[in-house]
Amino acid sequence: MTPLSPFLVVVVLLAFAALLVSLTLSFVRVIRGPTLPDRVAALELVNVLTVSFIALYTVWSGQVAFIDAAAALALIAFVSTVAFARYAERGGGQ
């Protein structure tokens, strides 16, 4: 593992901060709604941000094993989004 340059450390820390702010705002949208599709879209955004957080941590730590966790989470999030879309298509999301 090679150490990160000081510039890259600053960039990664800023990216962590931006992801944290985005996650916080997404959780607010999940709680406040107002409709079920809005909440599901916010949960999908939380999933994407979590995968991004894991990928960024992989860059930070230099351990490639975390990419497997990010890929598994992305696949589960995709399947859950497709399942909700089918549920909403049948009229369940009103």
Protein backbone atom coordinates (compact mmCIF):
# COMPACT_ATOMS: atom_id res chain seq x y z
CA MET A 1 0.00 0.00 0.00
CA THR A 2 1.40 3.37 -0.97
CA PRO A 3 0.63 6.37 1.22
CA LEU A 4 -1.61 9.06 -0.21
CA SER A 5 -0.16 12.40 -1.18
CA PRO A 6 -1.18 15.36 1.01
CA PHE A 7 -3.30 16.80 -1.80
CA LEU A 8 -5.14 13.51 -2.26
CA VAL A 9 -5.75 13.28 1.50
CA VAL A 10 -7.46 16.69 1.42
CA VAL A 11 -9.54 15.70 -1.61
CA VAL A 12 -10.65 12.44 0.00
CA LEU A 13 -11.57 14.19 3.25
CA LEU A 14 -13.60 16.77 1.35
CA ALA A 15 -15.36 13.97 -0.53
CA PHE A 16 -16.14 12.23 2.78
CA ALA A 17 -17.63 15.48 4.08
CA ALA A 18 -19.74 15.96 0.94
CA LEU A 19 -21.01 12.38 1.16
CA LEU A 20 -21.89 12.85 4.82
CA VAL A 21 -23.91 15.99 4.07
CA SER A 22 -25.66 14.21 1.19
CA LEU A 23 -26.49 11.21 3.38
CA THR A 24 -27.93 13.49 6.06
CA LEU A 25 -30.15 15.30 3.57
CA SER A 26 -31.26 12.00 2.05
CA PHE A 27 -32.28 10.64 5.44
CA VAL A 28 -34.32 13.81 6.01
CA ARG A 29 -36.14 13.12 2.74
CA VAL A 30 -36.74 9.50 3.76
CA ILE A 31 -38.32 10.64 7.03
CA ARG A 32 -40.35 13.56 5.69
CA GLY A 33 -41.64 11.94 2.49
CA PRO A 34 -44.23 13.16 1.47
CA THR A 35 -45.17 10.13 -0.68
CA LEU A 36 -43.98 6.54 -0.78
CA PRO A 37 -42.21 6.92 -4.17
CA ASP A 38 -40.34 9.94 -2.78
CA ARG A 39 -39.17 7.88 0.16
CA VAL A 40 -38.09 5.00 -2.06
CA ALA A 41 -36.16 7.35 -4.34
CA ALA A 42 -34.43 8.79 -1.27
CA LEU A 43 -33.58 5.29 -0.06
CA GLU A 44 -32.10 4.52 -3.47
CA LEU A 45 -29.99 7.66 -3.14
CA VAL A 46 -28.87 6.49 0.31
CA ASN A 47 -27.82 3.19 -1.26
CA VAL A 48 -25.84 4.94 -3.99
CA LEU A 49 -24.17 7.23 -1.47
CA THR A 50 -23.30 4.27 0.75
CA VAL A 51 -21.68 2.46 -2.17
CA SER A 52 -19.78 5.66 -2.95
CA PHE A 53 -18.70 5.92 0.68
CA ILE A 54 -17.39 2.34 0.61
CA ALA A 55 -15.54 2.97 -2.66
CA LEU A 56 -13.98 6.15 -1.28
CA TYR A 57 -12.94 4.30 1.88
CA THR A 58 -11.31 1.70 -0.37
CA VAL A 59 -9.21 4.46 -1.92
CA TRP A 60 -8.41 5.85 1.52
CA SER A 61 -7.39 2.54 3.08
CA GLY A 62 -5.93 0.84 0.02
CA GLN A 63 -7.73 -2.43 0.82
CA VAL A 64 -9.39 -3.79 -2.29
CA ALA A 65 -11.62 -6.24 -0.39
CA PHE A 66 -14.16 -3.48 0.34
CA ILE A 67 -15.03 -3.27 -3.35
CA ASP A 68 -16.78 -6.65 -3.02
CA ALA A 69 -19.02 -5.23 -0.31
CA ALA A 70 -19.81 -2.21 -2.46
CA ALA A 71 -20.69 -4.40 -5.44
CA ALA A 72 -22.94 -6.64 -3.32
CA LEU A 73 -24.74 -3.63 -1.86
CA ALA A 74 -25.22 -2.13 -5.32
CA LEU A 75 -26.75 -5.36 -6.62
CA ILE A 76 -29.12 -5.66 -3.65
CA ALA A 77 -30.16 -2.02 -4.08
CA PHE A 78 -30.86 -2.55 -7.76
CA VAL A 79 -33.02 -5.61 -7.10
CA SER A 80 -34.97 -3.79 -4.40
CA THR A 81 -35.59 -0.84 -6.73
CA VAL A 82 -36.89 -3.16 -9.44
CA ALA A 83 -39.12 -4.90 -6.89
CA PHE A 84 -40.60 -1.60 -5.76
CA ALA A 85 -41.16 -0.49 -9.36
CA ARG A 86 -43.16 -3.66 -10.02
CA TYR A 87 -45.12 -3.11 -6.81
CA ALA A 88 -45.91 0.51 -7.74
CA GLU A 89 -46.84 -0.49 -11.28
CA ARG A 90 -49.57 -2.71 -9.88
CA GLY A 91 -51.03 0.21 -7.92
CA GLY A 92 -49.54 -0.49 -4.51
CA GLY A 93 -47.65 2.78 -4.12
CA GLN A 94 -50.64 5.12 -3.86
